[in-house]
Amino acid sequence: MLDICIIGGGAAGMTAAICAKEENPARRILILEKKNQLGRKISATGNGKCNLSNVACPNVDQTLAFFERLGILTRTDSVGRVYPYIEDAAA
């Protein structure tokens, strides 16, 4: 028996699943995605570097803290775009 079923495995669906698990690690969560890979469109952002955010966005500090909790180090380019430190969405 599932506790949560999330329809859509994009950025929002994966974030919802992560947050639900952080809130209660015992939850059983299923993500339904029509594509063969979760987060597929994310890899296309930022010319394949996986643009995560921009320093001008509201709540960017919360966004960066979320990625840090996941162990994702970030870097910011000269115009404020935030990428994973390795700047490679495929990695």
N, C-alpha and C. Protein backbone atom coordinates (compact mmCIF):
# COMPACT_ATOMS: atom_id res chain seq x y z
N MET A 1 0.84 -1.18 0.00
CA MET A 1 0.00 0.00 0.00
C MET A 1 0.89 1.24 0.00
N LEU A 2 0.56 2.19 -0.85
CA LEU A 2 1.30 3.44 -0.95
C LEU A 2 0.69 4.50 -0.04
N ASP A 3 1.56 5.42 0.39
CA ASP A 3 1.08 6.56 1.15
C ASP A 3 0.83 7.76 0.24
N ILE A 4 1.70 7.90 -0.76
CA ILE A 4 1.61 9.04 -1.69
C ILE A 4 1.93 8.56 -3.09
N CYS A 5 1.14 9.02 -4.05
CA CYS A 5 1.41 8.77 -5.46
C CYS A 5 1.53 10.13 -6.14
N ILE A 6 2.67 10.37 -6.76
CA ILE A 6 2.92 11.65 -7.42
C ILE A 6 2.89 11.40 -8.92
N ILE A 7 2.09 12.17 -9.62
CA ILE A 7 1.99 12.03 -11.07
C ILE A 7 2.87 13.09 -11.71
N GLY A 8 3.91 12.62 -12.36
CA GLY A 8 4.86 13.51 -13.02
C GLY A 8 6.21 13.50 -12.32
N GLY A 9 7.22 13.06 -13.04
CA GLY A 9 8.56 12.93 -12.48
C GLY A 9 9.50 14.03 -12.92
N GLY A 10 8.96 15.22 -13.08
CA GLY A 10 9.81 16.36 -13.40
C GLY A 10 10.37 16.97 -12.13
N ALA A 11 10.86 18.17 -12.24
CA ALA A 11 11.48 18.85 -11.10
C ALA A 11 10.52 18.96 -9.92
N ALA A 12 9.28 19.36 -10.19
CA ALA A 12 8.31 19.53 -9.10
C ALA A 12 7.92 18.21 -8.47
N GLY A 13 7.71 17.18 -9.27
CA GLY A 13 7.33 15.87 -8.74
C GLY A 13 8.44 15.26 -7.90
N MET A 14 9.67 15.36 -8.38
CA MET A 14 10.79 14.82 -7.61
C MET A 14 11.00 15.60 -6.32
N THR A 15 10.84 16.92 -6.39
CA THR A 15 10.98 17.74 -5.18
C THR A 15 9.89 17.39 -4.17
N ALA A 16 8.68 17.19 -4.64
CA ALA A 16 7.59 16.82 -3.74
C ALA A 16 7.89 15.49 -3.05
N ALA A 17 8.41 14.53 -3.79
CA ALA A 17 8.74 13.23 -3.20
C ALA A 17 9.85 13.36 -2.16
N ILE A 18 10.88 14.14 -2.47
CA ILE A 18 11.98 14.33 -1.53
C ILE A 18 11.48 14.99 -0.25
N CYS A 19 10.68 16.03 -0.40
CA CYS A 19 10.16 16.75 0.78
C CYS A 19 9.26 15.86 1.62
N ALA A 20 8.43 15.04 0.96
CA ALA A 20 7.55 14.14 1.70
C ALA A 20 8.36 13.11 2.48
N LYS A 21 9.42 12.61 1.90
CA LYS A 21 10.29 11.65 2.58
C LYS A 21 11.05 12.30 3.73
N GLU A 22 11.51 13.54 3.52
CA GLU A 22 12.19 14.25 4.61
C GLU A 22 11.26 14.45 5.80
N GLU A 23 10.00 14.75 5.50
CA GLU A 23 9.02 14.98 6.56
C GLU A 23 8.71 13.70 7.32
N ASN A 24 8.63 12.59 6.60
CA ASN A 24 8.33 11.30 7.22
C ASN A 24 9.02 10.20 6.40
N PRO A 25 10.20 9.76 6.83
CA PRO A 25 10.96 8.77 6.08
C PRO A 25 10.26 7.43 5.89
N ALA A 26 9.26 7.14 6.69
CA ALA A 26 8.54 5.87 6.57
C ALA A 26 7.51 5.88 5.43
N ARG A 27 7.25 7.03 4.88
CA ARG A 27 6.24 7.11 3.80
C ARG A 27 6.69 6.30 2.59
N ARG A 28 5.72 5.63 1.99
CA ARG A 28 5.96 4.89 0.75
C ARG A 28 5.43 5.75 -0.39
N ILE A 29 6.32 6.13 -1.28
CA ILE A 29 5.98 7.10 -2.32
C ILE A 29 6.25 6.49 -3.68
N LEU A 30 5.34 6.72 -4.60
CA LEU A 30 5.50 6.28 -5.98
C LEU A 30 5.40 7.51 -6.88
N ILE A 31 6.36 7.64 -7.78
CA ILE A 31 6.30 8.70 -8.80
C ILE A 31 5.96 8.02 -10.12
N LEU A 32 4.89 8.47 -10.75
CA LEU A 32 4.51 7.97 -12.07
C LEU A 32 4.97 8.97 -13.12
N GLU A 33 5.75 8.50 -14.08
CA GLU A 33 6.29 9.35 -15.13
C GLU A 33 6.13 8.65 -16.46
N LYS A 34 5.60 9.35 -17.46
CA LYS A 34 5.38 8.73 -18.76
C LYS A 34 6.67 8.53 -19.55
N LYS A 35 7.66 9.33 -19.29
CA LYS A 35 8.95 9.16 -19.97
C LYS A 35 9.72 8.02 -19.30
N ASN A 36 10.78 7.57 -19.94
CA ASN A 36 11.54 6.45 -19.39
C ASN A 36 12.56 6.86 -18.34
N GLN A 37 12.61 8.16 -18.03
CA GLN A 37 13.59 8.66 -17.06
C GLN A 37 13.00 9.84 -16.29
N LEU A 38 13.18 9.84 -14.99
CA LEU A 38 12.74 10.98 -14.18
C LEU A 38 13.61 12.19 -14.49
N GLY A 39 13.01 13.37 -14.46
CA GLY A 39 13.77 14.61 -14.61
C GLY A 39 14.44 14.82 -15.94
N ARG A 40 13.93 14.21 -16.95
CA ARG A 40 14.59 14.26 -18.26
C ARG A 40 14.74 15.69 -18.80
N LYS A 41 13.72 16.51 -18.64
CA LYS A 41 13.77 17.88 -19.16
C LYS A 41 14.77 18.76 -18.41
N ILE A 42 15.05 18.40 -17.16
CA ILE A 42 15.99 19.19 -16.37
C ILE A 42 17.35 19.23 -17.04
N SER A 43 17.74 18.12 -17.65
CA SER A 43 19.06 18.06 -18.27
C SER A 43 19.19 19.01 -19.46
N ALA A 44 18.09 19.46 -20.01
CA ALA A 44 18.14 20.38 -21.15
C ALA A 44 18.32 21.83 -20.71
N THR A 45 18.10 22.12 -19.44
CA THR A 45 18.19 23.50 -18.98
C THR A 45 19.63 23.97 -18.94
N GLY A 46 19.82 25.25 -19.19
CA GLY A 46 21.16 25.82 -19.12
C GLY A 46 22.12 25.21 -20.11
N ASN A 47 21.63 24.90 -21.32
CA ASN A 47 22.47 24.27 -22.35
C ASN A 47 23.17 23.01 -21.86
N GLY A 48 22.44 22.19 -21.12
CA GLY A 48 22.97 20.93 -20.63
C GLY A 48 23.73 21.04 -19.32
N LYS A 49 23.78 22.25 -18.74
CA LYS A 49 24.49 22.42 -17.47
C LYS A 49 23.55 22.33 -16.27
N CYS A 50 22.24 22.20 -16.52
CA CYS A 50 21.24 22.03 -15.46
C CYS A 50 21.06 23.29 -14.61
N ASN A 51 20.50 24.32 -15.23
CA ASN A 51 20.24 25.58 -14.53
C ASN A 51 19.24 25.33 -13.40
N LEU A 52 19.68 25.51 -12.16
CA LEU A 52 18.84 25.23 -11.00
C LEU A 52 18.01 26.41 -10.54
N SER A 53 18.56 27.61 -10.66
CA SER A 53 17.88 28.80 -10.19
C SER A 53 18.63 30.03 -10.66
N ASN A 54 18.24 31.17 -10.12
CA ASN A 54 18.91 32.44 -10.40
C ASN A 54 18.90 33.23 -9.10
N VAL A 55 19.98 33.93 -8.82
CA VAL A 55 20.07 34.66 -7.55
C VAL A 55 19.00 35.74 -7.42
N ALA A 56 18.39 36.15 -8.54
CA ALA A 56 17.34 37.17 -8.50
C ALA A 56 15.97 36.58 -8.16
N CYS A 57 15.84 35.26 -8.09
CA CYS A 57 14.55 34.62 -7.80
C CYS A 57 14.19 34.77 -6.32
N PRO A 58 12.89 34.94 -6.06
CA PRO A 58 12.46 34.96 -4.66
C PRO A 58 12.81 33.62 -4.00
N ASN A 59 13.17 33.67 -2.75
CA ASN A 59 13.46 32.46 -1.96
C ASN A 59 14.63 31.64 -2.48
N VAL A 60 15.55 32.28 -3.19
CA VAL A 60 16.69 31.54 -3.74
C VAL A 60 17.50 30.90 -2.61
N ASP A 61 17.55 31.52 -1.45
CA ASP A 61 18.31 30.94 -0.33
C ASP A 61 17.72 29.60 0.10
N GLN A 62 16.39 29.51 0.12
CA GLN A 62 15.73 28.25 0.47
C GLN A 62 16.02 27.20 -0.59
N THR A 63 16.00 27.60 -1.84
CA THR A 63 16.28 26.67 -2.94
C THR A 63 17.70 26.13 -2.82
N LEU A 64 18.65 27.01 -2.58
CA LEU A 64 20.04 26.58 -2.47
C LEU A 64 20.25 25.70 -1.23
N ALA A 65 19.55 26.01 -0.15
CA ALA A 65 19.64 25.17 1.06
C ALA A 65 19.09 23.77 0.79
N PHE A 66 18.03 23.69 0.00
CA PHE A 66 17.45 22.39 -0.38
C PHE A 66 18.47 21.56 -1.13
N PHE A 67 19.11 22.15 -2.13
CA PHE A 67 20.11 21.41 -2.90
C PHE A 67 21.30 21.02 -2.03
N GLU A 68 21.67 21.89 -1.12
CA GLU A 68 22.78 21.58 -0.22
C GLU A 68 22.45 20.38 0.66
N ARG A 69 21.20 20.31 1.16
CA ARG A 69 20.77 19.16 1.96
C ARG A 69 20.87 17.87 1.16
N LEU A 70 20.68 17.97 -0.15
CA LEU A 70 20.77 16.79 -1.01
C LEU A 70 22.22 16.46 -1.38
N GLY A 71 23.14 17.31 -0.95
CA GLY A 71 24.54 17.08 -1.27
C GLY A 71 24.96 17.62 -2.62
N ILE A 72 24.15 18.51 -3.18
CA ILE A 72 24.46 19.10 -4.48
C ILE A 72 25.13 20.45 -4.26
N LEU A 73 26.41 20.50 -4.57
CA LEU A 73 27.15 21.76 -4.49
C LEU A 73 26.80 22.60 -5.70
N THR A 74 26.72 23.91 -5.52
CA THR A 74 26.34 24.79 -6.63
C THR A 74 27.39 25.86 -6.86
N ARG A 75 27.30 26.45 -8.04
CA ARG A 75 28.12 27.62 -8.37
C ARG A 75 27.22 28.60 -9.11
N THR A 76 27.56 29.87 -9.03
CA THR A 76 26.79 30.92 -9.67
C THR A 76 27.66 31.58 -10.73
N ASP A 77 27.08 31.76 -11.93
CA ASP A 77 27.87 32.41 -12.98
C ASP A 77 27.81 33.94 -12.82
N SER A 78 28.45 34.64 -13.72
CA SER A 78 28.59 36.09 -13.60
C SER A 78 27.28 36.86 -13.72
N VAL A 79 26.23 36.24 -14.28
CA VAL A 79 24.94 36.93 -14.39
C VAL A 79 23.90 36.41 -13.41
N GLY A 80 24.32 35.54 -12.48
CA GLY A 80 23.43 35.10 -11.42
C GLY A 80 22.75 33.77 -11.61
N ARG A 81 23.04 33.05 -12.69
CA ARG A 81 22.44 31.72 -12.87
C ARG A 81 23.15 30.72 -11.97
N VAL A 82 22.37 29.84 -11.35
CA VAL A 82 22.91 28.86 -10.42
C VAL A 82 22.88 27.48 -11.09
N TYR A 83 24.05 26.82 -11.06
CA TYR A 83 24.22 25.49 -11.65
C TYR A 83 24.81 24.55 -10.62
N PRO A 84 24.65 23.23 -10.84
CA PRO A 84 25.44 22.31 -10.02
C PRO A 84 26.92 22.63 -10.24
N TYR A 85 27.72 22.41 -9.25
CA TYR A 85 29.14 22.77 -9.32
C TYR A 85 29.82 22.16 -10.54
N ILE A 86 29.46 20.94 -10.91
CA ILE A 86 30.11 20.27 -12.04
C ILE A 86 29.60 20.77 -13.40
N GLU A 87 28.52 21.54 -13.39
CA GLU A 87 27.92 22.10 -14.61
C GLU A 87 27.70 21.07 -15.70
N ASP A 88 27.17 19.90 -15.30
CA ASP A 88 26.86 18.85 -16.26
C ASP A 88 25.62 18.12 -15.80
N ALA A 89 24.52 18.33 -16.50
CA ALA A 89 23.24 17.72 -16.10
C ALA A 89 23.27 16.20 -16.21
N ALA A 90 24.11 15.67 -17.07
CA ALA A 90 24.15 14.22 -17.27
C ALA A 90 24.87 13.48 -16.12
N ALA A 91 25.66 14.20 -15.37
CA ALA A 91 26.46 13.55 -14.30
C ALA A 91 25.64 13.25 -13.07
